[in-house]
Amino acid sequence: MGALVWLLIPLMGAVGGGLWGSWANRTRRARSDGPELDGYARFREAMERSGTGADGA
């Protein structure tokens, strides 16, 4: 009986880890990188415009 209890401990840990993993990943499908990529594109365009400056370097 004691061996059965010791086998249930890792089993419960695996089940708990699976439940936590599914809970932690629940909102990742709803998020997108759209706003971040738009901001990066604006940043790149601004750097390209200011990079063609007057010093000729």
C-alpha atoms as a PDB file:
ATOM      1  CA  MET A   1       0.000   0.000   0.000  1.00  0.00           C
ATOM      2  CA  GLY A   2       2.882   2.363   0.757  1.00  0.00           C
ATOM      3  CA  ALA A   3       4.323   1.798  -2.729  1.00  0.00           C
ATOM      4  CA  LEU A   4       0.990   2.744  -4.272  1.00  0.00           C
ATOM      5  CA  VAL A   5       1.021   6.062  -2.405  1.00  0.00           C
ATOM      6  CA  TRP A   6       4.541   6.771  -3.667  1.00  0.00           C
ATOM      7  CA  LEU A   7       3.397   6.060  -7.220  1.00  0.00           C
ATOM      8  CA  LEU A   8       0.406   8.382  -6.861  1.00  0.00           C
ATOM      9  CA  ILE A   9       2.577  11.357  -5.893  1.00  0.00           C
ATOM     10  CA  PRO A  10       4.278  11.719  -9.328  1.00  0.00           C
ATOM     11  CA  LEU A  11       0.993  10.924 -11.051  1.00  0.00           C
ATOM     12  CA  MET A  12      -0.762  13.746  -9.217  1.00  0.00           C
ATOM     13  CA  GLY A  13       2.189  16.014 -10.012  1.00  0.00           C
ATOM     14  CA  ALA A  14       1.900  15.202 -13.714  1.00  0.00           C
ATOM     15  CA  VAL A  15      -1.854  15.805 -13.707  1.00  0.00           C
ATOM     16  CA  GLY A  16      -1.360  19.072 -11.800  1.00  0.00           C
ATOM     17  CA  GLY A  17       1.360  20.160 -14.209  1.00  0.00           C
ATOM     18  CA  GLY A  18      -0.845  19.417 -17.197  1.00  0.00           C
ATOM     19  CA  LEU A  19      -3.723  21.387 -15.715  1.00  0.00           C
ATOM     20  CA  TRP A  20      -1.461  24.314 -14.891  1.00  0.00           C
ATOM     21  CA  GLY A  21       0.057  24.239 -18.381  1.00  0.00           C
ATOM     22  CA  SER A  22      -3.322  24.344 -20.068  1.00  0.00           C
ATOM     23  CA  TRP A  23      -4.439  27.159 -17.751  1.00  0.00           C
ATOM     24  CA  ALA A  24      -1.257  29.187 -18.317  1.00  0.00           C
ATOM     25  CA  ASN A  25      -1.582  28.846 -22.103  1.00  0.00           C
ATOM     26  CA  ARG A  26      -5.281  29.711 -22.277  1.00  0.00           C
ATOM     27  CA  THR A  27      -4.869  33.331 -23.457  1.00  0.00           C
ATOM     28  CA  ARG A  28      -1.987  32.890 -25.872  1.00  0.00           C
ATOM     29  CA  ARG A  29      -4.315  31.996 -28.725  1.00  0.00           C
ATOM     30  CA  ALA A  30      -6.228  35.265 -28.356  1.00  0.00           C
ATOM     31  CA  ARG A  31      -3.181  37.530 -28.462  1.00  0.00           C
ATOM     32  CA  SER A  32      -1.399  38.548 -31.622  1.00  0.00           C
ATOM     33  CA  ASP A  33       1.771  40.429 -32.455  1.00  0.00           C
ATOM     34  CA  GLY A  34      -0.050  42.966 -34.632  1.00  0.00           C
ATOM     35  CA  PRO A  35       0.387  46.109 -32.510  1.00  0.00           C
ATOM     36  CA  GLU A  36       4.008  45.306 -31.694  1.00  0.00           C
ATOM     37  CA  LEU A  37       4.879  44.679 -35.328  1.00  0.00           C
ATOM     38  CA  ASP A  38       3.121  47.877 -36.396  1.00  0.00           C
ATOM     39  CA  GLY A  39       5.126  49.836 -33.838  1.00  0.00           C
ATOM     40  CA  TYR A  40       8.345  48.233 -35.022  1.00  0.00           C
ATOM     41  CA  ALA A  41       7.530  49.103 -38.639  1.00  0.00           C
ATOM     42  CA  ARG A  42       6.929  52.739 -37.669  1.00  0.00           C
ATOM     43  CA  PHE A  43      10.227  52.764 -35.760  1.00  0.00           C
ATOM     44  CA  ARG A  44      12.121  51.349 -38.731  1.00  0.00           C
ATOM     45  CA  GLU A  45      10.591  53.898 -41.097  1.00  0.00           C
ATOM     46  CA  ALA A  46      11.532  56.728 -38.738  1.00  0.00           C
ATOM     47  CA  MET A  47      15.119  55.456 -38.487  1.00  0.00           C
ATOM     48  CA  GLU A  48      15.395  55.165 -42.251  1.00  0.00           C
ATOM     49  CA  ARG A  49      14.157  58.713 -42.695  1.00  0.00           C
ATOM     50  CA  SER A  50      16.558  60.134 -40.116  1.00  0.00           C
ATOM     51  CA  GLY A  51      19.396  57.848 -41.285  1.00  0.00           C
ATOM     52  CA  THR A  52      19.734  59.672 -44.615  1.00  0.00           C
ATOM     53  CA  GLY A  53      20.927  62.754 -42.720  1.00  0.00           C
ATOM     54  CA  ALA A  54      23.089  65.697 -43.712  1.00  0.00           C
ATOM     55  CA  ASP A  55      26.459  64.517 -42.389  1.00  0.00           C
ATOM     56  CA  GLY A  56      26.912  61.955 -45.184  1.00  0.00           C
ATOM     57  CA  ALA A  57      28.202  59.232 -42.911  1.00  0.00           C
END
